[in-house]
Amino acid sequence: MSIQWKSKSMLTLAGSLLVTTALAGCSGPSPAATDSKTKGNTSAGDEKPFTISMMNLSVLSEPPKDNDPIISAVKKLTNTDLQIQWVPNGTYDEKVNATIASGQLPMVLLVGTPMPSNIKNAMRTGQFWEIGPLLKDFPNLEKALNPQVLKSSAVGGKYYGINRARSLVGDGMIYRTDWLNKLGMKPPTTLDEMYEVIKAFSTKDPDGNGKNDTIGLAEEKSIRGFKLILAAAGGGNVWEIKDNKIVPAHESKAYVDAMNWYKRLYQEKLINQDFAITERVQNIDNGNKGLFGFRMGDNDFISRHSELFKINPSAEMDTSSILKGVNGTKLLMDTGMSGSFVIPKQSVKTEAEVKKILQYFDKLSTKEGQNIFEWGIEGVHYSVKDGKADRTPEQAAKYAAEVIQMQQAMQISDGSLAMEGTLDKYTAKYKAAKKEAAAVSNIFVVNPAAAYSSATYDQKRTQLDKIINDARVKYIMGELDEKGWQTALEGWQKAGGEKVLEELNKEYQADPAKGK
C-alpha cells in the first residue's frame, strides 16, 4: 500500500531568495571526495561504507530507530552509512525551511510534490546537481525511474530529482460484489451503469435485512471520486491546453457535467447527504459496518475493510478503474511520485560524490533492493515456499509494523522486480486492477502544467483551491446554480488565479518541448 505525500506548498515565496543564498553562500561539511572515475555499477566489495546524510519524512508518529532492521538491510546492501534525520509529517515543511536557512543541508534532501517554485528556481541557478546526464551509468536506477514521471518533474527540461515511485493509477471504483450478485447486476463500466448500481444499492435492499438503511455511494468531503467522474466526462487533469494556452480544468464544460452527475445523486439521496463534512475514516468505518456498497478513490481502499469480512464472512468486494466515458476509457494520470530526493551542491561538492549517492539508489533499484521493501527480511517478514514469498499471520504483522513505513519513505521503484509471492486476497485484487488499467492504451490524461511552476500558486494554493472546492460542494448540494458557479470562477481569477495562469503560460510558451 502506498500513501501519497501531498506537499502543503513547502516553502513560501518569501523563502525563494533564502534558498539561493543559503545554497550558494554556505559551506557545510562534506565527506572526502572519491575517485572521479567511480562508475555507477561498481561493486561495493570490501570498500569502506560511504556516508550519506539524508533528511526524510517519517510517515508514522514514531520515527524509525537507527537499528531498524530494514535500514540495517539497506545499509548492508548498498554499503553505505546512512545518517537519516527523520522529521514528522506535520512539521516537515517548517523543518526544510529552517534547514535551508541554517545552510547545513544534508547530502540528500526529500522535497515535496508538487515541487515548490523557489526550489525549482534554485535548480535553474545551479544550486542542485542535475542527474540526467549521469543516469546512463546507473542502469537499475534509470530503469526504475518512470520516463513519464521524469518528464513531468523536469525543470527546464533537466532532471534533478530521484522520485519516490507511486502508481500512475490513482482512481477507481470499489464495490460489494455480493450485493451485485444478489441484485443480478454486473460491475459498472460506464457512468450510466454506475448510476444504476448506486441507485440499486440505495433502494433495493442489497443486504437483505428488510430495511431501507443502505447508502448507494459513500463520499467524503474531498469528493474523492470526482477525478474518476471528470475523466469519464472528458475533463482535464487540473489544467488543460486550449488555443495553445494553459487553462484551468475547472473552467470546462466537462467539469460542470461531472458536478451535475454528482448533483443528481445528491438530489435523489443516493449519496450520503453529509458528504461535505464526512472524513475518510468515517467512510471506512461505515463500510466495515455494511452501510454502503460503493465508493471511489484509490484501488487500495479495498484493503481497508478487513473488519467487514470479520463481521460478515460472506461479504465480497472488488475494484476496477475501467470506466468508459465520452472519450473512451480515461483516467487522470496521478503524479506517479510522492516527493523527490535531490542533491544540494552546498553539501555534495564533487561529481564523484554524486555518483556514490546515485550508486546507493541504483542498488535500491535492483531485485535485491526491491525485495527488501516489498517483502522485508527472509525468515522475519516472509518465508520462501516453492520459489515464492509467503507470509504467516505473525510475519504479516511484523511486515506491517516494520516494513511498510520504510517502503513508503525510502523506496524509489515500483517493486516490479521483487520476487513473486502469495498476496492476501484484496491486495492481489487492487494490484491487478491497477495493472489492468495501466495496460490500457492511451488511458492517461496528463497534467500539461506539471513541469511548470507558479510562485503565486505556491503562495496562494490553499486559498485558490478552497474557492473552487467550496463552490463545487455548494453546486452539488444545489446551493449554487451555473451563474453562481461562474461567479466563483471569476472570484478565483481575481484572488490570484489570473496571475497563476500568467506565470504558468510564460514557462509553457518558453518551453521548446511543450506539447511533445
Protein backbone atom coordinates (compact mmCIF):
# COMPACT_ATOMS: atom_id res chain seq x y z
CA MET A 1 0.00 0.00 0.00
CA SER A 2 1.27 3.40 -0.90
CA ILE A 3 0.48 6.62 0.86
CA GLN A 4 0.80 9.69 -1.30
CA TRP A 5 2.56 12.64 0.43
CA LYS A 6 0.80 15.80 -0.63
CA SER A 7 3.02 18.85 -0.16
CA LYS A 8 1.49 21.87 1.58
CA SER A 9 3.48 24.30 -0.58
CA MET A 10 6.60 23.51 1.39
CA LEU A 11 8.39 26.81 1.13
CA THR A 12 6.81 30.22 0.88
CA LEU A 13 7.54 32.69 -1.87
CA ALA A 14 9.41 34.80 0.65
CA GLY A 15 11.88 31.97 1.05
CA SER A 16 12.92 31.99 -2.60
CA LEU A 17 15.85 34.34 -2.10
CA LEU A 18 16.75 32.44 1.05
CA VAL A 19 17.07 29.18 -0.88
CA THR A 20 19.53 30.58 -3.38
CA THR A 21 21.53 32.46 -0.75
CA ALA A 22 21.80 29.53 1.63
CA LEU A 23 22.70 27.04 -1.06
CA ALA A 24 25.21 29.25 -2.81
CA GLY A 25 26.80 31.03 0.12
CA CYS A 26 27.09 28.48 2.91
CA SER A 27 29.69 25.80 3.10
CA GLY A 28 28.78 22.79 5.20
CA PRO A 29 30.81 19.69 5.98
CA SER A 30 31.41 17.31 3.12
CA PRO A 31 32.82 13.80 3.10
CA ALA A 32 36.14 13.25 1.44
CA ALA A 33 35.95 13.15 -2.33
CA THR A 34 36.32 9.80 -4.03
CA ASP A 35 37.87 8.92 -7.35
CA SER A 36 36.02 10.87 -10.03
CA LYS A 37 36.08 7.81 -12.27
CA THR A 38 33.72 5.90 -9.97
CA LYS A 39 31.12 4.06 -12.02
CA GLY A 40 27.52 3.51 -11.05
CA ASN A 41 27.74 -0.26 -11.30
CA THR A 42 30.92 -0.63 -9.24
CA SER A 43 30.65 -3.44 -6.70
CA ALA A 44 30.85 -2.37 -3.08
CA GLY A 45 33.26 -5.21 -2.32
CA ASP A 46 35.36 -4.52 0.75
CA GLU A 47 35.22 -0.74 0.38
CA LYS A 48 34.54 1.32 3.46
CA PRO A 49 30.83 2.26 3.66
CA PHE A 50 30.11 5.62 2.05
CA THR A 51 28.45 8.09 4.41
CA ILE A 52 25.22 9.67 3.18
CA SER A 53 23.36 12.22 5.27
CA MET A 54 19.68 12.48 4.43
CA MET A 55 16.56 14.27 5.57
CA ASN A 56 13.39 12.24 5.12
CA LEU A 57 9.78 12.29 6.20
CA SER A 58 8.51 9.88 8.84
CA VAL A 59 5.07 8.59 7.88
CA LEU A 60 4.36 7.46 11.45
CA SER A 61 4.41 9.48 14.65
CA GLU A 62 7.28 7.36 15.99
CA PRO A 63 10.30 7.68 13.66
CA PRO A 64 12.44 4.64 12.80
CA LYS A 65 15.31 3.78 15.12
CA ASP A 66 18.94 3.69 13.97
CA ASN A 67 18.94 -0.10 14.39
CA ASP A 68 15.73 -0.54 12.39
CA PRO A 69 16.03 -3.94 10.62
CA ILE A 70 15.08 -2.55 7.21
CA ILE A 71 17.53 0.35 7.44
CA SER A 72 20.21 -2.13 8.51
CA ALA A 73 19.43 -4.32 5.50
CA VAL A 74 19.59 -1.30 3.19
CA LYS A 75 22.94 -0.22 4.63
CA LYS A 76 24.37 -3.69 4.09
CA LEU A 77 23.08 -3.99 0.52
CA THR A 78 24.27 -0.53 -0.53
CA ASN A 79 27.48 -0.45 1.55
CA THR A 80 26.54 2.92 2.99
CA ASP A 81 26.48 4.54 6.38
CA LEU A 82 23.07 6.21 6.25
CA GLN A 83 22.62 9.10 8.63
CA ILE A 84 18.92 9.86 8.31
CA GLN A 85 17.20 12.72 10.05
CA TRP A 86 13.55 11.69 10.34
CA VAL A 87 11.06 14.55 10.52
CA PRO A 88 7.34 14.12 11.33
CA ASN A 89 4.88 14.81 8.54
CA GLY A 90 3.24 17.70 10.37
CA THR A 91 6.46 19.67 10.77
CA TYR A 92 8.39 18.62 7.67
CA ASP A 93 7.73 21.81 5.70
CA GLU A 94 8.92 24.02 8.53
CA LYS A 95 12.00 21.85 9.07
CA VAL A 96 13.01 22.16 5.42
CA ASN A 97 12.67 25.92 5.74
CA ALA A 98 14.83 26.02 8.85
CA THR A 99 17.44 23.68 7.38
CA ILE A 100 17.86 25.81 4.28
CA ALA A 101 18.12 28.93 6.42
CA SER A 102 20.87 27.33 8.51
CA GLY A 103 22.95 26.42 5.46
CA GLN A 104 23.58 22.96 6.94
CA LEU A 105 21.88 20.92 4.25
CA PRO A 106 22.14 17.14 4.13
CA MET A 107 23.62 15.38 1.12
CA VAL A 108 20.17 14.11 0.13
CA LEU A 109 17.02 16.12 0.76
CA LEU A 110 13.43 14.99 0.23
CA VAL A 111 11.28 17.72 -1.33
CA GLY A 112 7.55 17.61 -1.90
CA THR A 113 5.16 17.00 -4.76
CA PRO A 114 4.45 19.44 -6.32
CA MET A 115 7.92 20.88 -6.06
CA PRO A 116 7.88 24.50 -4.79
CA SER A 117 8.80 27.14 -7.33
CA ASN A 118 11.68 28.50 -5.24
CA ILE A 119 13.32 25.06 -5.15
CA LYS A 120 12.89 24.96 -8.93
CA ASN A 121 14.44 28.40 -9.22
CA ALA A 122 17.42 27.22 -7.17
CA MET A 123 17.79 24.33 -9.61
CA ARG A 124 17.74 26.71 -12.56
CA THR A 125 20.55 28.73 -10.99
CA GLY A 126 22.72 25.66 -10.47
CA GLN A 127 22.27 25.04 -6.74
CA PHE A 128 21.31 21.37 -7.14
CA TRP A 129 23.01 18.61 -9.09
CA GLU A 130 21.48 17.66 -12.41
CA ILE A 131 21.33 13.86 -12.58
CA GLY A 132 20.06 13.32 -16.13
CA PRO A 133 23.45 13.00 -17.89
CA LEU A 134 24.66 10.53 -15.23
CA LEU A 135 21.75 8.08 -15.32
CA LYS A 136 23.25 6.04 -18.16
CA ASP A 137 25.92 4.83 -15.72
CA PHE A 138 23.25 3.52 -13.35
CA PRO A 139 21.07 1.13 -15.37
CA ASN A 140 18.99 -0.15 -12.45
CA LEU A 141 18.12 3.37 -11.33
CA GLU A 142 17.47 4.56 -14.87
CA LYS A 143 15.05 1.69 -15.42
CA ALA A 144 13.30 2.35 -12.10
CA LEU A 145 12.54 6.00 -12.93
CA ASN A 146 9.33 6.18 -14.97
CA PRO A 147 10.04 8.33 -18.06
CA GLN A 148 6.57 9.93 -17.97
CA VAL A 149 7.08 10.97 -14.37
CA LEU A 150 10.61 12.17 -15.04
CA LYS A 151 9.36 14.37 -17.84
CA SER A 152 6.59 15.87 -15.71
CA SER A 153 9.02 16.61 -12.88
CA ALA A 154 11.78 18.06 -15.07
CA VAL A 155 12.88 21.65 -14.52
CA GLY A 156 13.86 23.45 -17.69
CA GLY A 157 13.98 20.08 -19.42
CA LYS A 158 16.58 18.80 -16.93
CA TYR A 159 16.28 16.06 -14.30
CA TYR A 160 17.24 16.84 -10.72
CA GLY A 161 15.07 14.55 -8.62
CA ILE A 162 15.08 10.85 -7.82
CA ASN A 163 11.36 10.29 -7.45
CA ARG A 164 9.71 8.03 -4.90
CA ALA A 165 7.57 5.88 -7.19
CA ARG A 166 3.82 5.64 -6.90
CA SER A 167 1.32 4.14 -9.31
CA LEU A 168 0.09 6.35 -12.14
CA VAL A 169 -3.35 4.85 -11.45
CA GLY A 170 -4.83 6.73 -8.52
CA ASP A 171 -8.57 6.40 -9.06
CA GLY A 172 -11.00 3.54 -9.22
CA MET A 173 -14.29 2.03 -8.09
CA ILE A 174 -14.62 -0.22 -5.04
CA TYR A 175 -17.87 -2.17 -4.72
CA ARG A 176 -19.64 -5.04 -2.96
CA THR A 177 -19.80 -7.92 -5.43
CA ASP A 178 -22.06 -9.97 -3.13
CA TRP A 179 -24.62 -7.14 -3.39
CA LEU A 180 -24.25 -7.08 -7.18
CA ASN A 181 -24.84 -10.83 -7.34
CA LYS A 182 -27.91 -10.62 -5.10
CA LEU A 183 -29.41 -7.93 -7.35
CA GLY A 184 -28.44 -9.70 -10.59
CA MET A 185 -26.16 -6.86 -11.69
CA LYS A 186 -22.64 -6.64 -13.11
CA PRO A 187 -19.79 -4.31 -12.17
CA PRO A 188 -20.30 -0.95 -13.92
CA THR A 189 -18.16 0.06 -16.87
CA THR A 190 -19.89 3.35 -17.83
CA LEU A 191 -21.29 6.34 -15.94
CA ASP A 192 -24.86 5.26 -16.70
CA GLU A 193 -24.18 1.75 -15.39
CA MET A 194 -22.52 3.22 -12.30
CA TYR A 195 -25.60 5.34 -11.62
CA GLU A 196 -27.87 2.29 -11.88
CA VAL A 197 -25.70 0.27 -9.49
CA ILE A 198 -25.58 3.11 -6.96
CA LYS A 199 -29.35 3.55 -7.21
CA ALA A 200 -29.95 -0.17 -6.70
CA PHE A 201 -27.61 -0.24 -3.72
CA SER A 202 -29.70 2.57 -2.20
CA THR A 203 -33.21 1.36 -2.96
CA LYS A 204 -33.32 -2.42 -3.45
CA ASP A 205 -32.26 -3.70 -0.03
CA PRO A 206 -28.97 -5.25 -1.21
CA ASP A 207 -28.12 -6.56 2.27
CA GLY A 208 -31.48 -8.32 2.54
CA ASN A 209 -32.35 -7.12 6.03
CA GLY A 210 -35.72 -5.70 5.02
CA LYS A 211 -34.72 -2.16 5.97
CA ASN A 212 -34.04 0.96 3.90
CA ASP A 213 -30.68 1.54 5.57
CA THR A 214 -28.01 1.31 2.85
CA ILE A 215 -26.13 4.13 1.12
CA GLY A 216 -25.58 3.93 -2.62
CA LEU A 217 -22.36 5.93 -2.88
CA ALA A 218 -20.21 6.81 0.11
CA GLU A 219 -18.34 10.07 -0.43
CA GLU A 220 -16.12 12.24 1.73
CA LYS A 221 -15.55 15.97 1.97
CA SER A 222 -12.71 15.91 -0.59
CA ILE A 223 -15.13 14.27 -3.08
CA ARG A 224 -12.52 11.58 -3.68
CA GLY A 225 -14.30 10.11 -6.70
CA PHE A 226 -14.58 13.38 -8.61
CA LYS A 227 -11.42 12.83 -10.66
CA LEU A 228 -12.72 9.50 -11.96
CA ILE A 229 -16.04 11.06 -12.98
CA LEU A 230 -14.29 14.09 -14.50
CA ALA A 231 -12.08 11.84 -16.64
CA ALA A 232 -15.14 9.96 -17.89
CA ALA A 233 -16.83 13.29 -18.68
CA GLY A 234 -13.85 14.27 -20.84
CA GLY A 235 -12.23 16.68 -18.41
CA GLY A 236 -8.61 17.68 -18.00
CA ASN A 237 -6.07 16.92 -15.30
CA VAL A 238 -6.01 20.10 -13.16
CA TRP A 239 -5.08 22.10 -16.26
CA GLU A 240 -5.82 21.83 -19.99
CA ILE A 241 -4.36 23.23 -23.19
CA LYS A 242 -6.80 25.40 -25.14
CA ASP A 243 -5.79 27.61 -28.06
CA ASN A 244 -2.14 26.87 -27.21
CA LYS A 245 -2.56 28.19 -23.67
CA ILE A 246 -2.79 26.58 -20.24
CA VAL A 247 -6.28 26.98 -18.79
CA PRO A 248 -7.88 25.54 -15.62
CA ALA A 249 -9.77 22.27 -15.99
CA HIS A 250 -12.45 23.68 -13.69
CA GLU A 251 -13.49 26.16 -16.39
CA SER A 252 -14.51 23.38 -18.81
CA LYS A 253 -17.96 22.06 -19.70
CA ALA A 254 -16.77 18.61 -18.65
CA TYR A 255 -16.21 19.89 -15.11
CA VAL A 256 -19.80 21.12 -14.92
CA ASP A 257 -21.01 17.80 -16.37
CA ALA A 258 -19.15 15.94 -13.61
CA MET A 259 -20.69 18.20 -10.97
CA ASN A 260 -24.14 17.62 -12.47
CA TRP A 261 -23.61 13.86 -12.22
CA TYR A 262 -22.94 14.22 -8.51
CA LYS A 263 -25.78 16.73 -8.11
CA ARG A 264 -28.26 14.17 -9.42
CA LEU A 265 -27.09 11.63 -6.84
CA TYR A 266 -27.43 14.20 -4.08
CA GLN A 267 -30.91 15.29 -5.14
CA GLU A 268 -32.08 11.67 -5.32
CA LYS A 269 -30.45 10.88 -1.95
CA LEU A 270 -28.26 8.17 -3.46
CA ILE A 271 -25.16 9.60 -1.77
CA ASN A 272 -24.59 10.28 1.92
CA GLN A 273 -26.16 13.69 2.46
CA ASP A 274 -23.42 14.71 4.89
CA PHE A 275 -20.56 14.02 2.45
CA ALA A 276 -19.36 17.62 2.76
CA ILE A 277 -18.31 17.03 6.38
CA THR A 278 -17.50 13.30 6.23
CA GLU A 279 -13.93 12.24 6.94
CA ARG A 280 -12.42 9.25 5.15
CA VAL A 281 -12.11 7.29 8.37
CA GLN A 282 -15.89 7.57 8.82
CA ASN A 283 -16.50 6.01 5.42
CA ILE A 284 -14.08 3.21 6.20
CA ASP A 285 -15.99 2.57 9.42
CA ASN A 286 -19.38 2.71 7.68
CA GLY A 287 -18.15 0.32 5.01
CA ASN A 288 -16.99 -2.11 7.67
CA LYS A 289 -20.47 -1.90 9.21
CA GLY A 290 -22.02 -2.80 5.85
CA LEU A 291 -23.80 0.53 5.41
CA PHE A 292 -22.67 1.13 1.83
CA GLY A 293 -21.56 -0.90 -1.13
CA PHE A 294 -19.87 1.58 -3.46
CA ARG A 295 -17.11 4.13 -3.08
CA MET A 296 -14.42 5.68 -5.25
CA GLY A 297 -10.77 6.50 -4.72
CA ASP A 298 -7.51 4.63 -4.89
CA ASN A 299 -7.99 0.94 -5.64
CA ASP A 300 -6.07 0.08 -2.50
CA PHE A 301 -9.03 1.36 -0.45
CA ILE A 302 -10.37 -2.17 -0.87
CA SER A 303 -7.73 -3.44 1.54
CA ARG A 304 -9.02 -1.22 4.35
CA HIS A 305 -12.20 -3.19 5.03
CA SER A 306 -10.83 -6.20 6.86
CA GLU A 307 -13.30 -5.61 9.71
CA LEU A 308 -16.21 -6.04 7.29
CA PHE A 309 -15.13 -9.57 6.45
CA LYS A 310 -14.81 -10.43 10.14
CA ILE A 311 -18.33 -9.15 10.82
CA ASN A 312 -19.79 -10.61 7.64
CA PRO A 313 -17.72 -13.52 6.25
CA SER A 314 -20.00 -13.77 3.19
CA ALA A 315 -19.21 -10.19 2.11
CA GLU A 316 -17.18 -9.83 -1.09
CA MET A 317 -15.62 -6.77 -2.72
CA ASP A 318 -13.80 -5.98 -5.93
CA THR A 319 -12.23 -2.95 -7.58
CA SER A 320 -11.72 -1.62 -11.10
CA SER A 321 -10.52 1.53 -12.83
CA ILE A 322 -12.04 0.68 -16.21
CA LEU A 323 -14.76 3.27 -16.81
CA LYS A 324 -15.72 4.25 -20.35
CA GLY A 325 -16.62 7.86 -20.93
CA VAL A 326 -17.12 10.34 -23.75
CA ASN A 327 -13.52 9.89 -24.95
CA GLY A 328 -13.21 6.17 -24.21
CA THR A 329 -11.56 4.72 -21.11
CA LYS A 330 -9.66 7.55 -19.44
CA LEU A 331 -8.02 8.28 -16.10
CA LEU A 332 -6.43 11.49 -14.86
CA MET A 333 -2.81 10.40 -14.54
CA ASP A 334 -1.65 10.54 -10.96
CA THR A 335 1.67 12.20 -10.24
CA GLY A 336 3.42 8.81 -10.17
CA MET A 337 5.58 10.07 -7.33
CA SER A 338 5.50 11.11 -3.70
CA GLY A 339 8.31 13.59 -3.35
CA SER A 340 11.80 13.58 -4.83
CA PHE A 341 15.26 13.12 -3.40
CA VAL A 342 17.52 15.96 -4.55
CA ILE A 343 21.25 16.57 -4.08
CA PRO A 344 22.36 20.08 -2.99
CA LYS A 345 25.70 21.32 -4.29
CA GLN A 346 26.30 23.05 -0.96
CA SER A 347 26.79 19.69 0.77
CA VAL A 348 27.92 17.50 -2.15
CA LYS A 349 30.96 19.10 -3.75
CA THR A 350 32.07 16.70 -6.48
CA GLU A 351 30.57 14.63 -9.24
CA ALA A 352 32.31 11.61 -7.73
CA GLU A 353 30.23 12.05 -4.57
CA VAL A 354 27.08 12.44 -6.65
CA LYS A 355 27.88 9.13 -8.33
CA LYS A 356 28.31 7.47 -4.95
CA ILE A 357 24.84 8.69 -3.99
CA LEU A 358 23.38 7.53 -7.29
CA GLN A 359 25.08 4.18 -6.74
CA TYR A 360 23.14 3.89 -3.47
CA PHE A 361 19.85 4.48 -5.31
CA ASP A 362 20.96 2.12 -8.08
CA LYS A 363 21.43 -0.67 -5.53
CA LEU A 364 17.97 0.03 -4.09
CA SER A 365 16.58 -0.45 -7.59
CA THR A 366 17.95 -3.97 -8.03
CA LYS A 367 15.89 -7.09 -7.42
CA GLU A 368 17.54 -7.46 -4.01
CA GLY A 369 16.71 -3.87 -3.09
CA GLN A 370 13.12 -4.16 -4.24
CA ASN A 371 12.71 -7.40 -2.29
CA ILE A 372 13.62 -5.59 0.93
CA PHE A 373 10.81 -3.07 0.54
CA GLU A 374 8.21 -5.41 -0.97
CA TRP A 375 8.75 -8.39 1.34
CA GLY A 376 11.17 -7.45 4.11
CA ILE A 377 13.77 -9.82 5.52
CA GLU A 378 13.53 -13.53 4.80
CA GLY A 379 12.79 -15.55 7.91
CA VAL A 380 11.46 -12.47 9.70
CA HIS A 381 8.83 -10.93 7.45
CA TYR A 382 8.34 -13.78 4.97
CA SER A 383 9.44 -17.28 4.04
CA VAL A 384 10.08 -18.82 0.65
CA LYS A 385 7.86 -21.70 -0.46
CA ASP A 386 8.17 -23.23 -3.92
CA GLY A 387 10.27 -20.26 -5.01
CA LYS A 388 7.68 -17.69 -3.92
CA ALA A 389 7.44 -15.40 -0.92
CA ASP A 390 4.79 -16.31 1.62
CA ARG A 391 3.80 -14.82 4.98
CA THR A 392 2.34 -16.32 8.11
CA PRO A 393 -0.07 -14.10 10.06
CA GLU A 394 2.74 -13.37 12.52
CA GLN A 395 5.11 -12.41 9.70
CA ALA A 396 2.41 -10.23 8.14
CA ALA A 397 2.03 -8.38 11.43
CA LYS A 398 5.80 -7.76 11.63
CA TYR A 399 5.79 -6.63 7.99
CA ALA A 400 3.04 -4.11 8.72
CA ALA A 401 4.89 -2.84 11.78
CA GLU A 402 8.43 -2.72 10.39
CA VAL A 403 8.43 -2.63 6.59
CA ILE A 404 5.52 -0.61 5.23
CA GLN A 405 6.63 2.74 6.64
CA MET A 406 10.14 2.18 5.27
CA GLN A 407 8.73 1.23 1.89
CA GLN A 408 6.77 4.47 1.77
CA ALA A 409 9.73 6.55 2.94
CA MET A 410 12.67 5.08 1.03
CA GLN A 411 11.55 3.05 -1.99
CA ILE A 412 12.05 4.72 -5.36
CA SER A 413 11.00 1.84 -7.65
CA ASP A 414 7.59 0.31 -8.30
CA GLY A 415 8.64 -3.05 -6.85
CA SER A 416 8.13 -4.88 -10.13
CA LEU A 417 11.47 -6.71 -9.90
CA ALA A 418 10.74 -8.18 -6.47
CA MET A 419 10.19 -11.90 -6.24
CA GLU A 420 6.73 -13.30 -6.79
CA GLY A 421 4.75 -14.14 -3.72
CA THR A 422 1.41 -15.05 -2.25
CA LEU A 423 -0.60 -11.92 -1.55
CA ASP A 424 -3.71 -11.67 0.55
CA LYS A 425 -6.92 -11.70 -1.47
CA TYR A 426 -7.64 -7.99 -1.54
CA THR A 427 -4.07 -6.82 -2.00
CA ALA A 428 -4.00 -9.06 -5.07
CA LYS A 429 -7.26 -7.51 -6.29
CA TYR A 430 -6.12 -3.90 -6.11
CA LYS A 431 -2.73 -4.64 -7.64
CA ALA A 432 -4.46 -6.47 -10.50
CA ALA A 433 -6.86 -3.56 -11.04
CA LYS A 434 -4.02 -1.05 -11.26
CA LYS A 435 -2.11 -3.30 -13.64
CA GLU A 436 -5.18 -3.77 -15.84
CA ALA A 437 -5.80 -0.03 -16.09
CA ALA A 438 -2.17 0.86 -16.75
CA ALA A 439 -2.16 -1.57 -19.68
CA VAL A 440 -4.99 0.25 -21.49
CA SER A 441 -3.63 2.18 -24.46
CA ASN A 442 -3.76 5.97 -24.08
CA ILE A 443 -5.73 5.75 -20.85
CA PHE A 444 -3.93 8.56 -19.07
CA VAL A 445 -4.87 12.23 -19.26
CA VAL A 446 -1.70 14.06 -18.26
CA ASN A 447 -1.37 17.32 -16.39
CA PRO A 448 0.10 19.61 -19.09
CA ALA A 449 1.43 22.07 -16.50
CA ALA A 450 3.11 19.53 -14.22
CA ALA A 451 6.61 20.60 -15.25
CA TYR A 452 5.92 24.32 -14.77
CA SER A 453 5.72 26.42 -11.64
CA SER A 454 3.92 29.47 -10.35
CA ALA A 455 5.20 31.37 -7.33
CA THR A 456 1.73 32.83 -6.88
CA TYR A 457 0.16 29.37 -6.79
CA ASP A 458 2.75 28.20 -4.27
CA GLN A 459 1.81 31.14 -2.08
CA LYS A 460 -1.96 31.09 -2.61
CA ARG A 461 -2.68 27.43 -3.40
CA THR A 462 -4.75 26.82 -0.26
CA GLN A 463 -6.86 29.93 -0.78
CA LEU A 464 -7.40 29.35 -4.50
CA ASP A 465 -8.20 25.66 -4.18
CA LYS A 466 -10.68 26.43 -1.40
CA ILE A 467 -12.61 28.81 -3.66
CA ILE A 468 -13.15 26.06 -6.23
CA ASN A 469 -13.71 23.22 -3.77
CA ASP A 470 -16.25 25.16 -1.71
CA ALA A 471 -18.14 26.26 -4.82
CA ARG A 472 -18.15 22.69 -6.14
CA VAL A 473 -19.72 21.38 -2.93
CA LYS A 474 -22.35 24.13 -2.97
CA TYR A 475 -23.17 23.41 -6.61
CA ILE A 476 -23.61 19.69 -5.96
CA MET A 477 -25.86 20.45 -2.96
CA GLY A 478 -27.96 22.87 -5.03
CA GLU A 479 -26.84 25.98 -3.17
CA LEU A 480 -25.24 27.41 -6.34
CA ASP A 481 -26.60 27.39 -9.88
CA GLU A 482 -24.47 27.72 -13.02
CA LYS A 483 -24.49 31.50 -12.73
CA GLY A 484 -23.22 31.20 -9.16
CA TRP A 485 -20.55 28.78 -10.35
CA GLN A 486 -19.37 31.30 -12.94
CA THR A 487 -19.21 33.96 -10.22
CA ALA A 488 -16.98 31.63 -8.19
CA LEU A 489 -14.68 31.19 -11.21
CA GLU A 490 -14.40 34.95 -11.54
CA GLY A 491 -13.55 35.14 -7.85
CA TRP A 492 -10.77 32.57 -8.37
CA GLN A 493 -9.29 34.72 -11.14
CA LYS A 494 -9.38 37.88 -9.04
CA ALA A 495 -7.92 36.16 -5.96
CA GLY A 496 -4.75 35.26 -7.83
CA GLY A 497 -5.77 32.76 -10.48
CA GLU A 498 -5.16 35.25 -13.28
CA LYS A 499 -1.57 35.74 -12.08
CA VAL A 500 -1.09 31.96 -11.77
CA LEU A 501 -2.12 31.50 -15.39
CA GLU A 502 0.21 34.28 -16.48
CA GLU A 503 3.17 32.62 -14.73
CA LEU A 504 2.39 29.11 -15.96
CA ASN A 505 1.89 30.24 -19.54
CA LYS A 506 5.13 32.21 -19.51
CA GLU A 507 7.02 28.98 -18.77
CA TYR A 508 4.86 26.99 -21.17
CA GLN A 509 5.47 29.32 -24.09
CA ALA A 510 9.23 29.32 -23.40
CA ASP A 511 9.42 25.52 -23.26
CA PRO A 512 10.83 24.08 -26.51
CA ALA A 513 9.45 20.67 -25.52
CA LYS A 514 5.85 21.81 -24.96
CA GLY A 515 3.25 19.55 -26.47
CA LYS A 516 5.71 16.71 -27.03
